[in-house]
Amino acid sequence: MGFLGYPLLQTADIIMYKAGHVPVGEDQVSHVELAREVVRRFNHFYGREHDFEGKSRGCNQKDG
């Protein structure tokens, strides 16, 4: 689980803040490469639609 779970959690941390630079050590470079591939594949499958940001904000707001 550690070989997949940790890099995916690290990917979530990176994309959650829309990080442009990620300070990691040499031992983490492969995890960042995996993060790039995960994000590329996600964007390929789900892509960006017109007003994607507005729709995603709407989904994250609570009703009421």
N, C-alpha and C. Protein backbone atom coordinates (compact mmCIF):
# COMPACT_ATOMS: atom_id res chain seq x y z
N MET A 1 0.82 -1.20 0.00
CA MET A 1 0.00 0.00 0.00
C MET A 1 0.86 1.25 0.00
N GLY A 2 1.99 1.20 0.66
CA GLY A 2 2.85 2.38 0.76
C GLY A 2 3.38 2.86 -0.57
N PHE A 3 3.61 1.93 -1.50
CA PHE A 3 4.17 2.32 -2.79
C PHE A 3 3.15 3.08 -3.64
N LEU A 4 1.88 2.89 -3.40
CA LEU A 4 0.85 3.61 -4.15
C LEU A 4 0.17 4.67 -3.28
N GLY A 5 -0.14 4.33 -2.05
CA GLY A 5 -0.89 5.24 -1.19
C GLY A 5 -0.16 6.53 -0.88
N TYR A 6 1.11 6.43 -0.49
CA TYR A 6 1.86 7.64 -0.13
C TYR A 6 2.01 8.58 -1.31
N PRO A 7 2.43 8.08 -2.49
CA PRO A 7 2.55 9.02 -3.63
C PRO A 7 1.22 9.65 -4.02
N LEU A 8 0.11 8.93 -3.89
CA LEU A 8 -1.18 9.53 -4.22
C LEU A 8 -1.58 10.59 -3.20
N LEU A 9 -1.28 10.38 -1.94
CA LEU A 9 -1.53 11.41 -0.94
C LEU A 9 -0.66 12.64 -1.19
N GLN A 10 0.58 12.40 -1.58
CA GLN A 10 1.47 13.50 -1.92
C GLN A 10 0.94 14.25 -3.15
N THR A 11 0.41 13.52 -4.12
CA THR A 11 -0.19 14.15 -5.30
C THR A 11 -1.35 15.04 -4.90
N ALA A 12 -2.19 14.55 -4.02
CA ALA A 12 -3.33 15.35 -3.55
C ALA A 12 -2.85 16.62 -2.86
N ASP A 13 -1.80 16.53 -2.07
CA ASP A 13 -1.25 17.72 -1.41
C ASP A 13 -0.73 18.73 -2.42
N ILE A 14 -0.13 18.26 -3.48
CA ILE A 14 0.44 19.15 -4.49
C ILE A 14 -0.66 19.84 -5.27
N ILE A 15 -1.64 19.07 -5.76
CA ILE A 15 -2.65 19.67 -6.63
C ILE A 15 -3.70 20.46 -5.86
N MET A 16 -3.88 20.15 -4.59
CA MET A 16 -4.86 20.87 -3.78
C MET A 16 -4.50 22.36 -3.71
N TYR A 17 -3.21 22.66 -3.64
CA TYR A 17 -2.76 24.05 -3.53
C TYR A 17 -2.28 24.61 -4.86
N LYS A 18 -2.45 23.84 -5.96
CA LYS A 18 -2.01 24.27 -7.28
C LYS A 18 -0.55 24.71 -7.25
N ALA A 19 0.27 23.89 -6.64
CA ALA A 19 1.68 24.23 -6.43
C ALA A 19 2.42 24.31 -7.76
N GLY A 20 3.20 25.36 -7.91
CA GLY A 20 4.05 25.51 -9.08
C GLY A 20 5.42 24.94 -8.84
N HIS A 21 5.86 24.98 -7.59
CA HIS A 21 7.16 24.45 -7.20
C HIS A 21 6.95 23.54 -6.00
N VAL A 22 7.60 22.39 -6.03
CA VAL A 22 7.46 21.42 -4.95
C VAL A 22 8.85 21.10 -4.41
N PRO A 23 9.17 21.57 -3.21
CA PRO A 23 10.50 21.29 -2.66
C PRO A 23 10.57 19.86 -2.11
N VAL A 24 11.29 19.02 -2.80
CA VAL A 24 11.45 17.63 -2.36
C VAL A 24 12.91 17.24 -2.47
N GLY A 25 13.26 16.21 -1.75
CA GLY A 25 14.60 15.67 -1.82
C GLY A 25 14.73 14.72 -3.00
N GLU A 26 15.96 14.26 -3.22
CA GLU A 26 16.21 13.36 -4.35
C GLU A 26 15.41 12.06 -4.24
N ASP A 27 15.13 11.63 -3.02
CA ASP A 27 14.39 10.37 -2.84
C ASP A 27 12.91 10.52 -3.18
N GLN A 28 12.42 11.74 -3.35
CA GLN A 28 11.01 11.97 -3.64
C GLN A 28 10.75 12.29 -5.11
N VAL A 29 11.79 12.38 -5.92
CA VAL A 29 11.63 12.76 -7.32
C VAL A 29 10.71 11.79 -8.06
N SER A 30 10.85 10.51 -7.80
CA SER A 30 9.99 9.53 -8.48
C SER A 30 8.52 9.72 -8.09
N HIS A 31 8.27 10.15 -6.85
CA HIS A 31 6.89 10.40 -6.42
C HIS A 31 6.30 11.59 -7.15
N VAL A 32 7.11 12.62 -7.37
CA VAL A 32 6.63 13.79 -8.10
C VAL A 32 6.36 13.43 -9.56
N GLU A 33 7.20 12.60 -10.14
CA GLU A 33 6.96 12.13 -11.51
C GLU A 33 5.65 11.34 -11.58
N LEU A 34 5.40 10.49 -10.60
CA LEU A 34 4.14 9.76 -10.55
C LEU A 34 2.97 10.73 -10.41
N ALA A 35 3.15 11.77 -9.60
CA ALA A 35 2.10 12.77 -9.43
C ALA A 35 1.77 13.44 -10.76
N ARG A 36 2.79 13.77 -11.54
CA ARG A 36 2.55 14.36 -12.86
C ARG A 36 1.74 13.43 -13.74
N GLU A 37 2.09 12.17 -13.72
CA GLU A 37 1.38 11.20 -14.56
C GLU A 37 -0.07 11.02 -14.10
N VAL A 38 -0.29 10.98 -12.80
CA VAL A 38 -1.65 10.85 -12.27
C VAL A 38 -2.50 12.04 -12.72
N VAL A 39 -1.95 13.24 -12.61
CA VAL A 39 -2.70 14.44 -12.99
C VAL A 39 -2.94 14.48 -14.49
N ARG A 40 -1.94 14.10 -15.28
CA ARG A 40 -2.13 14.05 -16.74
C ARG A 40 -3.25 13.09 -17.12
N ARG A 41 -3.24 11.92 -16.52
CA ARG A 41 -4.27 10.93 -16.85
C ARG A 41 -5.65 11.38 -16.39
N PHE A 42 -5.73 11.96 -15.19
CA PHE A 42 -7.00 12.47 -14.69
C PHE A 42 -7.55 13.52 -15.64
N ASN A 43 -6.70 14.47 -16.04
CA ASN A 43 -7.15 15.52 -16.95
C ASN A 43 -7.52 14.95 -18.31
N HIS A 44 -6.83 13.91 -18.75
CA HIS A 44 -7.17 13.29 -20.03
C HIS A 44 -8.55 12.63 -19.98
N PHE A 45 -8.82 11.92 -18.87
CA PHE A 45 -10.11 11.23 -18.75
C PHE A 45 -11.27 12.20 -18.51
N TYR A 46 -11.06 13.17 -17.63
CA TYR A 46 -12.16 14.03 -17.22
C TYR A 46 -12.11 15.41 -17.86
N GLY A 47 -10.95 15.83 -18.32
CA GLY A 47 -10.78 17.08 -19.06
C GLY A 47 -11.36 18.28 -18.37
N ARG A 48 -11.14 19.40 -19.00
CA ARG A 48 -11.71 20.64 -18.49
C ARG A 48 -12.88 21.04 -19.36
N GLU A 49 -13.94 21.41 -18.71
CA GLU A 49 -15.12 21.87 -19.42
C GLU A 49 -15.23 23.38 -19.29
N HIS A 50 -16.12 23.96 -20.07
CA HIS A 50 -16.38 25.39 -19.95
C HIS A 50 -16.86 25.67 -18.53
N ASP A 51 -16.31 26.68 -17.90
CA ASP A 51 -16.65 27.09 -16.54
C ASP A 51 -16.40 25.99 -15.52
N PHE A 52 -15.32 25.26 -15.71
CA PHE A 52 -14.94 24.17 -14.80
C PHE A 52 -14.75 24.68 -13.37
N GLU A 53 -14.05 25.80 -13.23
CA GLU A 53 -13.78 26.35 -11.90
C GLU A 53 -15.08 26.71 -11.17
N GLY A 54 -16.00 27.34 -11.88
CA GLY A 54 -17.27 27.72 -11.27
C GLY A 54 -18.09 26.52 -10.84
N LYS A 55 -18.11 25.49 -11.69
CA LYS A 55 -18.85 24.28 -11.36
C LYS A 55 -18.23 23.58 -10.15
N SER A 56 -16.91 23.55 -10.08
CA SER A 56 -16.26 22.86 -8.96
C SER A 56 -16.49 23.63 -7.66
N ARG A 57 -16.51 24.97 -7.73
CA ARG A 57 -16.81 25.75 -6.53
C ARG A 57 -18.23 25.49 -6.07
N GLY A 58 -19.15 25.38 -7.02
CA GLY A 58 -20.56 25.11 -6.70
C GLY A 58 -20.74 23.76 -6.02
N CYS A 59 -19.96 22.78 -6.42
CA CYS A 59 -20.05 21.45 -5.82
C CYS A 59 -19.52 21.43 -4.40
N ASN A 60 -18.58 22.30 -4.11
CA ASN A 60 -17.95 22.31 -2.79
C ASN A 60 -18.71 23.12 -1.76
N GLN A 61 -19.69 23.91 -2.19
CA GLN A 61 -20.46 24.71 -1.26
C GLN A 61 -21.61 23.89 -0.70
N LYS A 62 -21.91 24.12 0.57
CA LYS A 62 -23.03 23.43 1.19
C LYS A 62 -24.33 24.12 0.83
N ASP A 63 -25.39 23.33 0.70
CA ASP A 63 -26.70 23.88 0.41
C ASP A 63 -27.26 24.56 1.66
N GLY A 64 -27.95 25.68 1.44
CA GLY A 64 -28.64 26.32 2.55
C GLY A 64 -27.93 27.45 3.03
